[in-house]
Protein backbone atom coordinates (compact mmCIF):
# COMPACT_ATOMS: atom_id res chain seq x y z
CA UNK A 1 0.00 0.00 0.00
CA UNK A 2 1.08 3.56 -0.73
CA UNK A 3 -0.28 6.32 1.53
CA UNK A 4 -0.30 9.97 0.49
CA UNK A 5 -0.82 12.60 3.19
CA UNK A 6 -1.59 16.25 2.45
CA UNK A 7 -0.99 18.62 5.35
CA UNK A 8 1.12 21.65 6.22
CA UNK A 9 3.09 22.84 9.26
CA UNK A 10 4.47 26.29 9.94
CA UNK A 11 5.09 28.63 12.89
CA UNK A 12 1.66 30.16 12.27
CA UNK A 13 -0.21 26.89 11.68
CA UNK A 14 1.68 24.85 14.23
CA UNK A 15 2.38 21.18 13.59
CA UNK A 16 -0.93 19.70 14.78
CA UNK A 17 -2.31 18.83 11.35
CA UNK A 18 0.83 16.92 10.40
CA UNK A 19 1.05 15.23 13.80
CA UNK A 20 -2.44 13.82 13.76
CA UNK A 21 -1.97 12.54 10.19
CA UNK A 22 1.29 10.88 11.21
CA UNK A 23 -0.40 9.31 14.22
CA UNK A 24 -3.11 7.85 12.01
CA UNK A 25 -0.52 6.52 9.56
CA UNK A 26 1.42 4.79 12.32
CA UNK A 27 -1.75 3.00 13.40
CA UNK A 28 -2.54 1.76 9.90
CA UNK A 29 0.66 1.13 8.01
CA UNK A 30 2.38 -2.20 7.66
CA UNK A 31 6.15 -2.61 7.55
CA UNK A 32 7.68 -1.48 4.27
CA UNK A 33 4.70 0.53 3.04
CA UNK A 34 5.49 3.85 1.42
CA UNK A 35 4.13 6.96 3.14
CA UNK A 36 4.62 10.38 1.57
CA UNK A 37 3.60 13.72 3.05
CA UNK A 38 2.95 16.41 0.44
CA UNK A 39 3.41 19.87 1.96
CA UNK A 40 3.58 23.41 0.66
CA UNK A 41 4.68 24.68 4.09
CA UNK A 42 6.75 22.71 6.56
CA UNK A 43 9.48 23.44 9.09
CA UNK A 44 12.85 21.64 9.16
CA UNK A 45 12.16 20.26 12.64
CA UNK A 46 8.92 18.65 11.49
CA UNK A 47 10.64 17.20 8.41
CA UNK A 48 13.28 15.62 10.64
CA UNK A 49 10.59 14.22 12.95
CA UNK A 50 8.72 12.68 10.02
CA UNK A 51 11.85 11.18 8.48
CA UNK A 52 12.59 9.48 11.80
CA UNK A 53 9.21 7.75 11.38
CA UNK A 54 10.06 6.68 7.82
CA UNK A 55 7.70 9.22 6.26
CA UNK A 56 9.00 10.81 3.08
CA UNK A 57 8.35 14.53 2.59
CA UNK A 58 7.68 15.98 -0.87
CA UNK A 59 7.23 19.69 -1.45
CA UNK A 60 4.38 20.99 -3.59
CA UNK A 61 3.98 24.63 -4.74
CA UNK A 62 2.35 27.19 -2.43
CA UNK A 63 -1.39 26.66 -2.25
CA UNK A 64 -3.12 29.27 -4.38
CA UNK A 65 -5.77 27.18 -6.16
CA UNK A 66 -7.40 24.01 -4.86
CA UNK A 67 -7.59 21.99 -8.08
CA UNK A 68 -4.00 22.85 -9.01
CA UNK A 69 -2.85 21.75 -5.55
CA UNK A 70 -4.48 18.36 -6.14
CA UNK A 71 -2.87 18.15 -9.58
CA UNK A 72 0.52 18.87 -7.99
CA UNK A 73 -0.03 15.96 -5.62
CA UNK A 74 -0.95 13.65 -8.50
CA UNK A 75 2.17 14.72 -10.37
CA UNK A 76 4.23 13.15 -7.59
CA UNK A 77 3.48 9.91 -9.45
CA UNK A 78 2.63 7.82 -6.41
CA UNK A 79 -0.63 6.05 -7.40
CA UNK A 80 -1.73 6.05 -3.75
CA UNK A 81 -4.11 3.49 -2.30
CA UNK A 82 -5.02 5.78 0.60
CA UNK A 83 -5.13 9.59 0.67
CA UNK A 84 -5.30 11.39 4.03
CA UNK A 85 -5.94 15.13 3.95
CA UNK A 86 -5.94 17.50 6.94
CA UNK A 87 -6.09 21.06 5.61
CA UNK A 88 -8.62 23.83 6.20
CA UNK A 89 -8.17 25.30 2.71
CA UNK A 90 -8.91 22.05 0.86
CA UNK A 91 -12.40 20.70 0.21
CA UNK A 92 -14.46 18.50 -2.09
CA UNK A 93 -12.92 20.06 -5.22
CA UNK A 94 -9.48 18.81 -4.15
CA UNK A 95 -10.81 15.44 -3.10
CA UNK A 96 -12.72 14.95 -6.37
CA UNK A 97 -9.48 15.39 -8.35
CA UNK A 98 -7.70 12.93 -6.07
CA UNK A 99 -10.43 10.33 -6.70
CA UNK A 100 -8.98 9.87 -10.19
CA UNK A 101 -6.16 7.94 -8.49
CA UNK A 102 -8.66 5.33 -7.28
CA UNK A 103 -7.59 5.93 -3.67
CA UNK A 104 -9.72 5.77 -0.56
CA UNK A 105 -10.12 9.37 0.66
CA UNK A 106 -9.84 10.10 4.39
CA UNK A 107 -10.52 13.63 5.66
CA UNK A 108 -9.50 14.89 9.09
CA UNK A 109 -11.44 18.01 10.05
CA UNK A 110 -12.80 19.87 13.05
CA UNK A 111 -14.52 22.88 11.47
CA UNK A 112 -17.42 21.33 9.50
CA UNK A 113 -17.53 24.47 7.36
CA UNK A 114 -17.05 23.13 3.81
CA UNK A 115 -18.10 20.15 1.66
CA UNK A 116 -16.01 16.99 1.37
CA UNK A 117 -15.99 14.17 -1.17
CA UNK A 118 -14.59 11.47 1.09
CA UNK A 119 -15.02 7.85 2.11
CA UNK A 120 -14.09 8.44 5.76
CA UNK A 121 -14.18 11.60 7.88
CA UNK A 122 -12.63 11.92 11.34
CA UNK A 123 -13.52 14.83 13.63
CA UNK A 124 -12.64 14.60 17.34
CA UNK A 125 -14.53 17.78 18.31
CA UNK A 126 -16.54 17.46 21.56
CA UNK A 127 -19.82 18.87 20.29
CA UNK A 128 -23.44 17.90 20.77
CA UNK A 129 -25.04 16.07 17.81
CA UNK A 130 -21.80 16.03 15.80
CA UNK A 131 -23.43 14.28 12.82
CA UNK A 132 -25.78 17.21 12.34
CA UNK A 133 -22.77 19.43 11.59
CA UNK A 134 -21.90 17.37 8.52
CA UNK A 135 -25.39 16.98 7.04
CA UNK A 136 -25.14 17.98 3.40
CA UNK A 137 -21.34 18.33 3.58
CA UNK A 138 -20.32 14.71 2.97
CA UNK A 139 -21.58 11.88 0.74
CA UNK A 140 -24.44 9.87 2.23
CA UNK A 141 -22.33 6.71 2.27
CA UNK A 142 -19.29 8.35 3.94
CA UNK A 143 -18.35 6.82 7.28
CA UNK A 144 -18.06 9.40 10.05
CA UNK A 145 -15.94 8.93 13.16
CA UNK A 146 -16.83 11.76 15.49
CA UNK A 147 -15.93 12.80 19.03
CA UNK A 148 -12.86 12.79 21.31
CA UNK A 149 -12.70 8.97 21.39
CA UNK A 150 -11.50 9.22 17.78
CA UNK A 151 -8.75 11.76 18.53
CA UNK A 152 -5.64 10.68 16.66
CA UNK A 153 -3.12 10.25 19.45
CA UNK A 154 0.32 8.71 19.47
CA UNK A 155 0.48 5.22 20.94
CA UNK A 156 2.31 6.42 24.07
CA UNK A 157 -0.67 8.56 25.09
CA UNK A 158 -2.78 5.42 25.31
CA UNK A 159 -0.64 3.65 27.89
CA UNK A 160 -2.78 2.84 30.94
CA UNK A 161 0.23 3.12 33.26
CA UNK A 162 0.56 6.83 32.39
CA UNK A 163 -3.10 7.76 32.81
CA UNK A 164 -4.20 8.68 36.32
CA UNK A 165 -6.93 10.52 38.13
CA UNK A 166 -5.35 13.41 40.05
CA UNK A 167 -6.02 13.95 43.74
CA UNK A 168 -6.45 17.70 43.22
CA UNK A 169 -3.15 18.85 44.73
CA UNK A 170 -1.14 21.10 42.41
CA UNK A 171 2.62 20.95 42.88
CA UNK A 172 3.85 20.23 39.34
CA UNK A 173 2.78 22.19 36.26
CA UNK A 174 3.44 21.56 32.58
CA UNK A 175 3.23 24.63 30.34
CA UNK A 176 2.74 23.71 26.68
CA UNK A 177 0.99 26.32 24.54
CA UNK A 178 1.94 24.85 21.16
CA UNK A 179 2.85 26.64 17.95
CA UNK A 180 1.69 30.10 17.01
CA UNK A 181 2.38 31.77 20.36
CA UNK A 182 5.07 34.33 21.10
CA UNK A 183 7.78 34.33 23.73
CA UNK A 184 6.05 37.31 25.36
CA UNK A 185 2.86 35.28 25.78
CA UNK A 186 4.80 32.43 27.35
CA UNK A 187 6.63 34.83 29.66
CA UNK A 188 3.28 36.25 30.78
CA UNK A 189 2.35 32.80 32.07
CA UNK A 190 5.68 32.27 33.82
CA UNK A 191 5.52 35.70 35.46
CA UNK A 192 2.06 34.84 36.77
CA UNK A 193 3.30 31.57 38.26
CA UNK A 194 6.08 33.44 40.00
CA UNK A 195 3.51 35.66 41.72
CA UNK A 196 1.82 32.76 43.49
CA UNK A 197 2.14 32.60 47.26
CA UNK A 198 3.22 29.49 49.14
CA UNK A 199 5.81 26.84 48.22
CA UNK A 200 7.02 27.30 44.64
CA UNK A 201 5.50 25.06 42.01
CA UNK A 202 7.77 22.85 39.95
CA UNK A 203 7.25 23.94 36.35
CA UNK A 204 8.33 22.46 33.03
CA UNK A 205 7.78 24.56 29.92
CA UNK A 206 7.67 22.61 26.67
CA UNK A 207 8.26 24.74 23.58
CA UNK A 208 7.79 22.16 20.81
CA UNK A 209 8.62 21.94 17.11
CA UNK A 210 7.09 25.21 15.94
CA UNK A 211 8.24 27.66 18.61
CA UNK A 212 10.26 30.36 16.89
CA UNK A 213 11.87 32.51 19.60
CA UNK A 214 13.05 30.39 22.55
CA UNK A 215 15.84 32.77 23.64
CA UNK A 216 13.79 34.98 26.00
CA UNK A 217 12.26 31.93 27.67
CA UNK A 218 15.66 30.36 28.28
CA UNK A 219 16.92 33.71 29.61
CA UNK A 220 13.98 33.93 32.02
CA UNK A 221 14.73 30.44 33.36
CA UNK A 222 18.30 31.35 34.39
CA UNK A 223 18.55 31.34 38.18
CA UNK A 224 15.01 30.03 38.69
CA UNK A 225 15.40 26.53 40.10
CA UNK A 226 11.66 25.89 39.93
CA UNK A 227 11.60 26.18 36.14
CA UNK A 228 12.90 23.82 33.45
CA UNK A 229 12.74 24.51 29.72
CA UNK A 230 12.37 21.67 27.21
CA UNK A 231 12.62 22.33 23.49
CA UNK A 232 11.62 19.17 21.60
CA UNK A 233 11.11 15.78 23.20
CA UNK A 234 9.39 12.49 22.52
CA UNK A 235 8.65 12.18 26.26
CA UNK A 236 5.52 14.37 26.21
CA UNK A 237 3.31 11.54 27.56
CA UNK A 238 5.64 11.11 30.54
CA UNK A 239 5.65 14.87 31.16
CA UNK A 240 1.87 14.98 31.08
CA UNK A 241 1.67 12.02 33.43
CA UNK A 242 4.11 13.76 35.81
CA UNK A 243 2.15 17.01 35.96
CA UNK A 244 -0.75 17.84 38.26
CA UNK A 245 -1.96 20.65 36.01
CA UNK A 246 -1.34 21.72 32.43
CA UNK A 247 -1.36 25.22 31.05
CA UNK A 248 -2.01 24.90 27.36
CA UNK A 249 -4.04 25.58 24.26
CA UNK A 250 -7.35 24.12 23.15
CA UNK A 251 -5.76 22.42 20.12
CA UNK A 252 -4.91 18.79 19.52
CA UNK A 253 -2.92 18.52 22.75
CA UNK A 254 -6.26 18.80 24.57
CA UNK A 255 -7.01 15.15 23.79
CA UNK A 256 -3.51 14.05 24.80
CA UNK A 257 -4.10 15.69 28.19
CA UNK A 258 -7.55 14.17 28.53
CA UNK A 259 -6.34 10.67 27.70
CA UNK A 260 -3.92 10.93 30.63
CA UNK A 261 -6.39 12.57 33.04
CA UNK A 262 -4.51 15.88 33.13
CA UNK A 263 -6.69 18.89 34.05
CA UNK A 264 -5.89 22.13 32.26
CA UNK A 265 -5.98 25.88 32.50
CA UNK A 266 -6.34 26.63 28.81
CA UNK A 267 -6.56 29.37 26.22
CA UNK A 268 -7.58 29.63 22.60
CA UNK A 269 -4.49 30.25 20.46
CA UNK A 270 -6.15 29.87 17.03
CA UNK A 271 -9.65 30.37 15.67
CA UNK A 272 -10.23 26.67 14.97
CA UNK A 273 -9.93 25.92 18.70
CA UNK A 274 -13.14 27.70 19.74
CA UNK A 275 -15.26 24.55 19.41
CA UNK A 276 -12.80 22.54 21.48
CA UNK A 277 -12.75 25.29 24.11
CA UNK A 278 -16.53 25.11 24.46
CA UNK A 279 -16.54 21.33 24.63
CA UNK A 280 -13.78 21.18 27.24
CA UNK A 281 -15.58 23.76 29.35
CA UNK A 282 -18.95 22.02 29.14
CA UNK A 283 -17.35 18.68 30.04
CA UNK A 284 -15.53 20.25 32.98
CA UNK A 285 -12.11 19.01 31.81
CA UNK A 286 -10.54 22.47 31.61
CA UNK A 287 -10.93 26.05 32.72
CA UNK A 288 -10.70 28.16 29.57
CA UNK A 289 -9.68 31.81 29.87
CA UNK A 290 -10.61 32.79 26.32
CA UNK A 291 -8.20 33.95 23.66
CA UNK A 292 -4.55 34.16 24.65
CA UNK A 293 -4.36 37.69 23.25
CA UNK A 294 -6.85 38.78 25.92
CA UNK A 295 -4.93 37.40 28.91
CA UNK A 296 -2.51 39.17 31.23
CA UNK A 297 -0.21 38.31 34.11
CA UNK A 298 -3.05 39.17 36.49
CA UNK A 299 -5.54 36.97 34.60
CA UNK A 300 -3.28 33.96 34.76
CA UNK A 301 -2.27 34.53 38.39
CA UNK A 302 -5.87 34.93 39.56
CA UNK A 303 -7.01 31.75 37.82
CA UNK A 304 -4.04 29.76 39.08
CA UNK A 305 -4.72 30.86 42.66
CA UNK A 306 -8.30 29.61 42.37
CA UNK A 307 -7.23 26.18 41.13
CA UNK A 308 -4.36 25.77 43.60
CA UNK A 309 -6.83 26.54 46.38
CA UNK A 310 -9.57 24.20 45.15
CA UNK A 311 -8.38 20.58 45.00
CA UNK A 312 -11.97 19.34 44.75
CA UNK A 313 -12.44 21.17 41.44
CA UNK A 314 -9.08 19.99 40.11
CA UNK A 315 -9.88 16.38 40.97
CA UNK A 316 -13.25 16.70 39.22
CA UNK A 317 -11.54 18.17 36.13
CA UNK A 318 -9.20 15.18 35.99
CA UNK A 319 -12.12 12.75 36.13
CA UNK A 320 -13.96 14.68 33.44
CA UNK A 321 -10.88 14.62 31.19
CA UNK A 322 -10.64 10.84 31.42
CA UNK A 323 -14.33 10.46 30.61
CA UNK A 324 -14.05 12.63 27.49
CA UNK A 325 -11.68 10.22 25.76
CA UNK A 326 -13.10 6.96 27.11
CA UNK A 327 -14.00 4.30 24.54
CA UNK A 328 -10.75 4.68 22.64
CA UNK A 329 -10.15 0.94 22.09
CA UNK A 330 -13.54 0.42 20.47
CA UNK A 331 -13.03 3.58 18.41
CA UNK A 332 -9.69 2.35 17.09
CA UNK A 333 -11.21 -0.99 16.06
CA UNK A 334 -14.07 0.75 14.23
CA UNK A 335 -11.75 3.09 12.35
CA UNK A 336 -9.31 0.34 11.36
CA UNK A 337 -12.20 -1.79 10.11
CA UNK A 338 -13.48 1.10 7.97
CA UNK A 339 -10.08 1.34 6.31
CA UNK A 340 -9.65 -2.40 5.92
CA UNK A 341 -6.64 -2.51 8.21
CA UNK A 342 -5.53 -4.55 11.20
CA UNK A 343 -5.30 -2.05 14.10
CA UNK A 344 -2.40 -1.76 16.47
CA UNK A 345 -3.77 -1.78 20.02
């Protein structure tokens, strides 16, 4: 089997689209199968990460016209059996062109704002009546896999020994805001943590693949024994398991946190996260402060004080997070069956 993936990653976009495609591929592929990611935007760090997973990266021209983008992918000459697309600017026009290859078309989406011509659609958004959102947007015979149980997580996030229900005490905090945020926004969070009374929290800040200006964060950490800075690591599941609270975005990392029972103080760092923010709030798995651009040192400090002083709420958030992503094993079996593959469990 040959698998073609179409997704982009950049400092503005972050790497979430590529990551969830790669996670799906690793579930489905057999040894020796060719996997190619076609990208018009991608950072060197993400390319290196993909190559380590035996995913080949091919560049296509900047996306200016949907049909031409699909034609550029076909000109790669792959004859794919499976096409996976995760891109907010591509829709049924792109997918219709790709059907000429005879491939099964899999769409990953969370906006439900445009039509798709696909065989399978995956949307992990935690919304009420998720099927209603796609009425009239997908073929009647398309198979839909909807809700957080279908979040495309790396295998390590599914380890039962790393998932735990917190007791509500906050002593260790993981800060991971993802791509698309500035060093000033990260420093605002760290300055707020420093204002907290009582014994200092132990804090790890994870910058990730797409963070563009780490210098000021590293400078801030000098002389502060309570703070550790991590650039890129494969040990994110272990870090999330270690932490009592996360400070993060409402992007794809939300489901990683939930799978491990990690409560969160969260912000919206991109427009496509608004639906997730609402779902996390309604479920009680996170306290969402709104858009990161609207926060301040005082906002963060005030919210942190409330959570540190309310272990009952934090414990309830942890339980709610675990419930949101329950049913993952059944979900993986259903998705693998739809694609005619033997799942890795």
